[in-house]
Protein backbone atom coordinates (compact mmCIF):
# COMPACT_ATOMS: atom_id res chain seq x y z
CA MET A 1 -30.86 -19.88 120.86
CA ASN A 2 -31.58 -22.63 118.57
CA GLN A 3 -35.27 -22.29 119.64
CA GLN A 4 -35.30 -18.63 119.02
CA MET A 5 -34.06 -19.20 115.22
CA GLN A 6 -36.52 -21.70 114.72
CA SER A 7 -39.43 -19.38 115.85
CA VAL A 8 -38.13 -16.66 113.70
CA VAL A 9 -38.68 -18.44 110.31
CA PRO A 10 -40.67 -21.68 111.34
CA ASP A 11 -41.28 -23.02 107.59
CA ALA A 12 -37.84 -22.03 106.03
CA GLY A 13 -37.15 -25.69 105.00
CA LYS A 14 -40.37 -26.07 103.36
CA ALA A 15 -40.12 -22.52 101.48
CA ASN A 16 -36.42 -23.36 100.52
CA ALA A 17 -37.54 -26.77 99.05
CA TYR A 18 -40.19 -24.91 97.09
CA LEU A 19 -37.85 -22.11 95.95
CA LYS A 20 -35.17 -24.59 94.60
CA ARG A 21 -38.06 -26.49 92.64
CA VAL A 22 -39.07 -23.09 91.30
CA ALA A 23 -35.40 -22.20 90.37
CA ARG A 24 -34.95 -25.59 88.47
CA VAL A 25 -38.24 -25.41 86.49
CA SER A 26 -37.41 -21.84 85.51
CA ALA A 27 -33.95 -22.79 84.46
CA TRP A 28 -35.29 -25.63 82.09
CA LEU A 29 -38.09 -23.28 80.84
CA LEU A 30 -35.37 -20.67 80.10
CA MET A 31 -33.23 -23.12 78.42
CA VAL A 32 -36.03 -24.08 76.08
CA GLY A 33 -36.86 -20.56 75.53
CA ILE A 34 -33.37 -19.49 74.55
CA ILE A 35 -33.26 -22.66 72.11
CA VAL A 36 -36.50 -21.25 70.36
CA LEU A 37 -35.14 -17.70 70.38
CA LEU A 38 -31.90 -18.98 68.75
CA ILE A 39 -33.90 -20.96 66.08
CA SER A 40 -36.40 -18.39 65.30
CA GLY A 41 -33.37 -15.76 65.22
CA TRP A 42 -31.71 -18.05 62.62
CA GLY A 43 -34.94 -18.44 60.78
CA ILE A 44 -35.21 -14.43 60.43
CA THR A 45 -31.61 -14.08 59.04
CA ARG A 46 -31.18 -17.47 57.35
CA THR A 47 -34.72 -18.17 56.14
CA GLU A 48 -33.74 -20.77 53.41
CA VAL A 49 -32.09 -22.99 55.86
CA ILE A 50 -34.95 -23.02 58.39
CA TYR A 51 -37.68 -23.15 55.67
CA LYS A 52 -35.89 -26.30 54.30
CA VAL A 53 -35.39 -27.87 57.66
CA SER A 54 -38.96 -27.25 58.90
CA PHE A 55 -40.44 -28.75 55.55
CA GLY A 56 -41.82 -25.18 54.72
CA LEU A 57 -43.52 -24.53 57.80
CA ILE A 58 -41.33 -21.68 59.08
CA ASP A 59 -40.87 -18.84 56.79
CA ARG A 60 -39.31 -15.36 57.71
CA GLY A 61 -42.70 -14.09 58.84
CA ALA A 62 -43.35 -16.97 61.12
CA ALA A 63 -39.91 -16.95 62.52
CA ASP A 64 -40.17 -13.15 63.20
CA SER A 65 -43.55 -13.77 64.93
CA ILE A 66 -42.14 -16.65 67.08
CA HIS A 67 -39.13 -14.56 67.95
CA ARG A 68 -41.30 -11.60 69.07
CA ALA A 69 -43.74 -13.72 70.85
CA ILE A 70 -41.28 -15.53 73.02
CA GLN A 71 -39.31 -12.58 74.42
CA VAL A 72 -41.62 -11.83 77.13
CA PRO A 73 -41.83 -15.42 78.49
CA VAL A 74 -38.26 -15.69 78.30
CA ALA A 75 -37.81 -12.63 80.58
CA VAL A 76 -40.28 -13.89 82.94
CA PHE A 77 -38.39 -17.21 83.26
CA PHE A 78 -34.94 -15.34 83.35
CA ILE A 79 -36.19 -12.93 86.18
CA THR A 80 -37.92 -15.73 88.06
CA HIS A 81 -34.77 -17.74 88.07
CA VAL A 82 -32.42 -15.03 89.01
CA LEU A 83 -34.50 -13.67 91.76
CA THR A 84 -35.34 -17.04 93.24
CA ASN A 85 -31.73 -17.98 93.51
CA VAL A 86 -30.89 -14.52 95.00
CA ARG A 87 -33.43 -15.34 97.52
CA LEU A 88 -32.06 -18.72 98.23
CA ARG A 89 -28.71 -17.26 98.77
CA LEU A 90 -30.11 -14.92 101.62
CA PRO A 91 -29.42 -16.33 105.23
CA SER A 92 -33.22 -16.72 105.89
CA ARG A 93 -32.51 -18.29 109.23
CA ARG A 94 -30.60 -15.19 110.52
CA LEU A 95 -32.81 -12.38 109.17
CA ARG A 96 -35.82 -11.36 111.11
CA LYS A 97 -37.18 -9.38 108.22
CA THR A 98 -37.34 -11.94 105.47
CA TRP A 99 -40.75 -10.69 104.40
CA LEU A 100 -38.90 -7.20 103.71
CA PHE A 101 -36.28 -8.85 101.45
CA ASP A 102 -38.98 -10.95 99.67
CA GLY A 103 -40.90 -7.64 99.11
CA ILE A 104 -37.78 -5.93 97.67
CA LEU A 105 -37.12 -8.89 95.55
CA VAL A 106 -40.72 -9.06 94.14
CA THR A 107 -40.67 -5.35 93.48
CA ILE A 108 -37.63 -5.59 91.51
CA GLY A 109 -38.89 -8.42 89.47
CA ALA A 110 -42.04 -6.61 88.65
CA CYS A 111 -40.38 -3.60 87.73
CA LEU A 112 -37.76 -5.49 85.42
CA LEU A 113 -40.79 -7.29 83.85
CA GLY A 114 -42.73 -4.00 83.57
CA GLY A 115 -39.51 -2.64 81.62
CA VAL A 116 -39.48 -5.58 79.36
CA VAL A 117 -43.30 -5.44 78.60
CA TYR A 118 -43.09 -1.60 77.83
CA MET A 119 -40.02 -2.04 75.55
CA GLU A 120 -41.70 -5.01 73.83
CA TYR A 121 -45.19 -3.56 73.08
CA TYR A 122 -45.13 0.17 73.65
CA THR A 123 -41.84 1.44 71.91
C-alpha cells in the first residue's frame, strides 16, 4: 500500500517544500506591503506628520499615489499566501487527483485577482 501512495504523488515532498517556501516569502512580502499601506494611508489622512517625518519627500499626493499603486501587489501576495497554505493543508498523498484541486485553487486565485484589478482600474 505504501508503494501505491508513492506512485500516486511521486514528488509530493519537493512540491510541499517549494510551496512552504512560497508561503513564507509571500507572508513577508505581504507584511511589508501592509506596512507601506499603513504609512501611506496615514500620509493621506495625517499629511503634516508624514511630511515632517519624511523630510518633505511624501506629501498628500505622493502618499495617495503610493497607496493606490501598492493595492494590487498586496492583493497578489495575500491571495498567493492564502491559497498556497490551503494547498498545503490538502492531504496530497491520499488524493489521486491533486491536479484537479490545484486547478481549482489557481482558478479561484485568478478570479479573485481579476476582481481586485477590475475594481482598482475600471471602476
